[in-house]
């Protein structure tokens, strides 16, 4: 985010706003991140950058909880996927294991 410190936040792109928000949360030293639709409204390059950042955070031991309708992203990226419908858990899977219907 170097070079944007003097820029009015309202003039940042959507992706830049997401990065600033994530940086602010990380600056607080949190160990658990909860993200709602993190790839929404990002172009492909922005999505790749964010996924790379999430990968790096995960490697350092951060717990990342993602709520998303983007099943392709979730299935590829997450270590565990829980599918919720009408407020109930309907499936649960850990990467490399079979789906468990609930």
C-alpha atoms as a PDB file:
ATOM      1  CA  UNK A   1       0.000   0.000   0.000  1.00  0.00           C
ATOM      2  CA  UNK A   2       3.089   2.171  -0.263  1.00  0.00           C
ATOM      3  CA  UNK A   3       2.380   5.419  -2.024  1.00  0.00           C
ATOM      4  CA  UNK A   4      -1.294   5.528  -1.082  1.00  0.00           C
ATOM      5  CA  UNK A   5      -0.992   6.952   2.436  1.00  0.00           C
ATOM      6  CA  UNK A   6      -1.821  10.470   1.265  1.00  0.00           C
ATOM      7  CA  UNK A   7      -4.697   9.394  -0.974  1.00  0.00           C
ATOM      8  CA  UNK A   8      -8.294   9.952   0.121  1.00  0.00           C
ATOM      9  CA  UNK A   9      -9.746   6.522   1.004  1.00  0.00           C
ATOM     10  CA  UNK A  10     -12.826   7.323  -1.073  1.00  0.00           C
ATOM     11  CA  UNK A  11     -10.590   7.527  -4.139  1.00  0.00           C
ATOM     12  CA  UNK A  12      -9.114   4.047  -3.683  1.00  0.00           C
ATOM     13  CA  UNK A  13     -10.225   1.201  -5.911  1.00  0.00           C
ATOM     14  CA  UNK A  14     -12.330  -1.560  -4.381  1.00  0.00           C
ATOM     15  CA  UNK A  15      -9.305  -3.873  -4.313  1.00  0.00           C
ATOM     16  CA  UNK A  16      -7.157  -1.210  -2.671  1.00  0.00           C
ATOM     17  CA  UNK A  17      -9.844  -0.687  -0.018  1.00  0.00           C
ATOM     18  CA  UNK A  18      -9.880  -4.433   0.677  1.00  0.00           C
ATOM     19  CA  UNK A  19      -6.080  -4.491   1.031  1.00  0.00           C
ATOM     20  CA  UNK A  20      -6.135  -1.485   3.374  1.00  0.00           C
ATOM     21  CA  UNK A  21      -8.842  -3.114   5.510  1.00  0.00           C
ATOM     22  CA  UNK A  22      -6.860  -6.372   5.679  1.00  0.00           C
ATOM     23  CA  UNK A  23      -3.675  -4.479   6.553  1.00  0.00           C
ATOM     24  CA  UNK A  24      -5.522  -2.678   9.345  1.00  0.00           C
ATOM     25  CA  UNK A  25      -6.778  -5.934  10.833  1.00  0.00           C
ATOM     26  CA  UNK A  26      -3.338  -7.534  10.582  1.00  0.00           C
ATOM     27  CA  UNK A  27      -1.767  -4.492  12.261  1.00  0.00           C
ATOM     28  CA  UNK A  28      -3.900  -5.298  15.312  1.00  0.00           C
ATOM     29  CA  UNK A  29      -2.052  -8.615  15.645  1.00  0.00           C
ATOM     30  CA  UNK A  30      -5.119 -10.796  15.286  1.00  0.00           C
ATOM     31  CA  UNK A  31      -4.574 -14.544  14.922  1.00  0.00           C
ATOM     32  CA  UNK A  32      -8.003 -15.228  13.399  1.00  0.00           C
ATOM     33  CA  UNK A  33      -9.314 -13.530  10.254  1.00  0.00           C
ATOM     34  CA  UNK A  34     -12.962 -13.783   9.225  1.00  0.00           C
ATOM     35  CA  UNK A  35     -13.551 -12.776   5.604  1.00  0.00           C
ATOM     36  CA  UNK A  36     -16.909 -12.452   3.862  1.00  0.00           C
ATOM     37  CA  UNK A  37     -16.728 -12.942   0.072  1.00  0.00           C
ATOM     38  CA  UNK A  38     -13.050 -11.922  -0.080  1.00  0.00           C
ATOM     39  CA  UNK A  39     -12.756 -12.309  -3.872  1.00  0.00           C
ATOM     40  CA  UNK A  40     -15.960 -10.443  -4.718  1.00  0.00           C
ATOM     41  CA  UNK A  41     -15.555  -7.492  -7.104  1.00  0.00           C
ATOM     42  CA  UNK A  42     -11.838  -8.133  -7.655  1.00  0.00           C
ATOM     43  CA  UNK A  43     -10.355  -8.564 -11.111  1.00  0.00           C
ATOM     44  CA  UNK A  44      -8.381 -11.794 -11.769  1.00  0.00           C
ATOM     45  CA  UNK A  45      -5.068 -10.156 -10.832  1.00  0.00           C
ATOM     46  CA  UNK A  46      -6.551  -8.830  -7.598  1.00  0.00           C
ATOM     47  CA  UNK A  47      -7.966 -12.265  -6.803  1.00  0.00           C
ATOM     48  CA  UNK A  48      -4.561 -13.904  -7.362  1.00  0.00           C
ATOM     49  CA  UNK A  49      -2.884 -11.299  -5.154  1.00  0.00           C
ATOM     50  CA  UNK A  50      -5.392 -11.801  -2.364  1.00  0.00           C
ATOM     51  CA  UNK A  51      -5.178 -15.603  -2.534  1.00  0.00           C
ATOM     52  CA  UNK A  52      -1.373 -15.315  -2.390  1.00  0.00           C
ATOM     53  CA  UNK A  53      -1.673 -13.105   0.695  1.00  0.00           C
ATOM     54  CA  UNK A  54      -4.085 -15.568   2.330  1.00  0.00           C
ATOM     55  CA  UNK A  55      -1.680 -18.418   1.541  1.00  0.00           C
ATOM     56  CA  UNK A  56       1.173 -16.537   3.202  1.00  0.00           C
ATOM     57  CA  UNK A  57      -0.937 -15.742   6.256  1.00  0.00           C
ATOM     58  CA  UNK A  58      -2.023 -19.359   6.555  1.00  0.00           C
ATOM     59  CA  UNK A  59       1.592 -20.540   6.383  1.00  0.00           C
ATOM     60  CA  UNK A  60       2.459 -18.222   9.283  1.00  0.00           C
ATOM     61  CA  UNK A  61      -0.233 -19.863  11.415  1.00  0.00           C
ATOM     62  CA  UNK A  62      -3.132 -17.447  11.021  1.00  0.00           C
ATOM     63  CA  UNK A  63      -6.570 -19.031  11.147  1.00  0.00           C
ATOM     64  CA  UNK A  64      -8.666 -17.829   8.211  1.00  0.00           C
ATOM     65  CA  UNK A  65     -12.414 -18.325   8.096  1.00  0.00           C
ATOM     66  CA  UNK A  66     -14.031 -17.529   4.758  1.00  0.00           C
ATOM     67  CA  UNK A  67     -17.735 -17.183   3.983  1.00  0.00           C
ATOM     68  CA  UNK A  68     -18.213 -17.420   0.233  1.00  0.00           C
ATOM     69  CA  UNK A  69     -20.554 -18.498  -2.540  1.00  0.00           C
ATOM     70  CA  UNK A  70     -17.485 -19.074  -4.739  1.00  0.00           C
ATOM     71  CA  UNK A  71     -17.389 -22.867  -4.431  1.00  0.00           C
ATOM     72  CA  UNK A  72     -14.454 -23.239  -6.850  1.00  0.00           C
ATOM     73  CA  UNK A  73     -12.258 -20.969  -4.737  1.00  0.00           C
ATOM     74  CA  UNK A  74     -13.334 -22.544  -1.458  1.00  0.00           C
ATOM     75  CA  UNK A  75     -12.885 -26.135  -2.661  1.00  0.00           C
ATOM     76  CA  UNK A  76      -9.419 -25.381  -4.049  1.00  0.00           C
ATOM     77  CA  UNK A  77      -8.116 -23.176  -1.265  1.00  0.00           C
ATOM     78  CA  UNK A  78      -9.641 -24.206   2.064  1.00  0.00           C
ATOM     79  CA  UNK A  79      -8.410 -27.023   4.286  1.00  0.00           C
ATOM     80  CA  UNK A  80     -11.960 -27.595   5.515  1.00  0.00           C
ATOM     81  CA  UNK A  81     -15.282 -26.745   3.878  1.00  0.00           C
ATOM     82  CA  UNK A  82     -18.608 -26.601   5.693  1.00  0.00           C
ATOM     83  CA  UNK A  83     -21.711 -26.070   3.586  1.00  0.00           C
ATOM     84  CA  UNK A  84     -24.627 -24.365   5.309  1.00  0.00           C
ATOM     85  CA  UNK A  85     -28.153 -24.112   3.907  1.00  0.00           C
ATOM     86  CA  UNK A  86     -31.159 -22.626   5.658  1.00  0.00           C
ATOM     87  CA  UNK A  87     -29.066 -22.180   8.794  1.00  0.00           C
ATOM     88  CA  UNK A  88     -28.078 -25.852   9.025  1.00  0.00           C
ATOM     89  CA  UNK A  89     -24.813 -27.628   8.269  1.00  0.00           C
ATOM     90  CA  UNK A  90     -25.549 -29.964   5.376  1.00  0.00           C
ATOM     91  CA  UNK A  91     -22.019 -31.131   4.513  1.00  0.00           C
ATOM     92  CA  UNK A  92     -18.545 -31.045   5.974  1.00  0.00           C
ATOM     93  CA  UNK A  93     -15.249 -32.004   4.328  1.00  0.00           C
ATOM     94  CA  UNK A  94     -11.578 -31.854   5.136  1.00  0.00           C
ATOM     95  CA  UNK A  95      -9.158 -31.534   2.218  1.00  0.00           C
ATOM     96  CA  UNK A  96      -8.239 -34.973   0.941  1.00  0.00           C
ATOM     97  CA  UNK A  97     -11.230 -36.669   2.597  1.00  0.00           C
ATOM     98  CA  UNK A  98     -14.715 -37.529   1.419  1.00  0.00           C
ATOM     99  CA  UNK A  99     -17.750 -35.337   2.003  1.00  0.00           C
ATOM    100  CA  UNK A 100     -19.712 -36.150   5.121  1.00  0.00           C
ATOM    101  CA  UNK A 101     -23.412 -35.419   4.784  1.00  0.00           C
ATOM    102  CA  UNK A 102     -24.988 -34.188   7.984  1.00  0.00           C
END
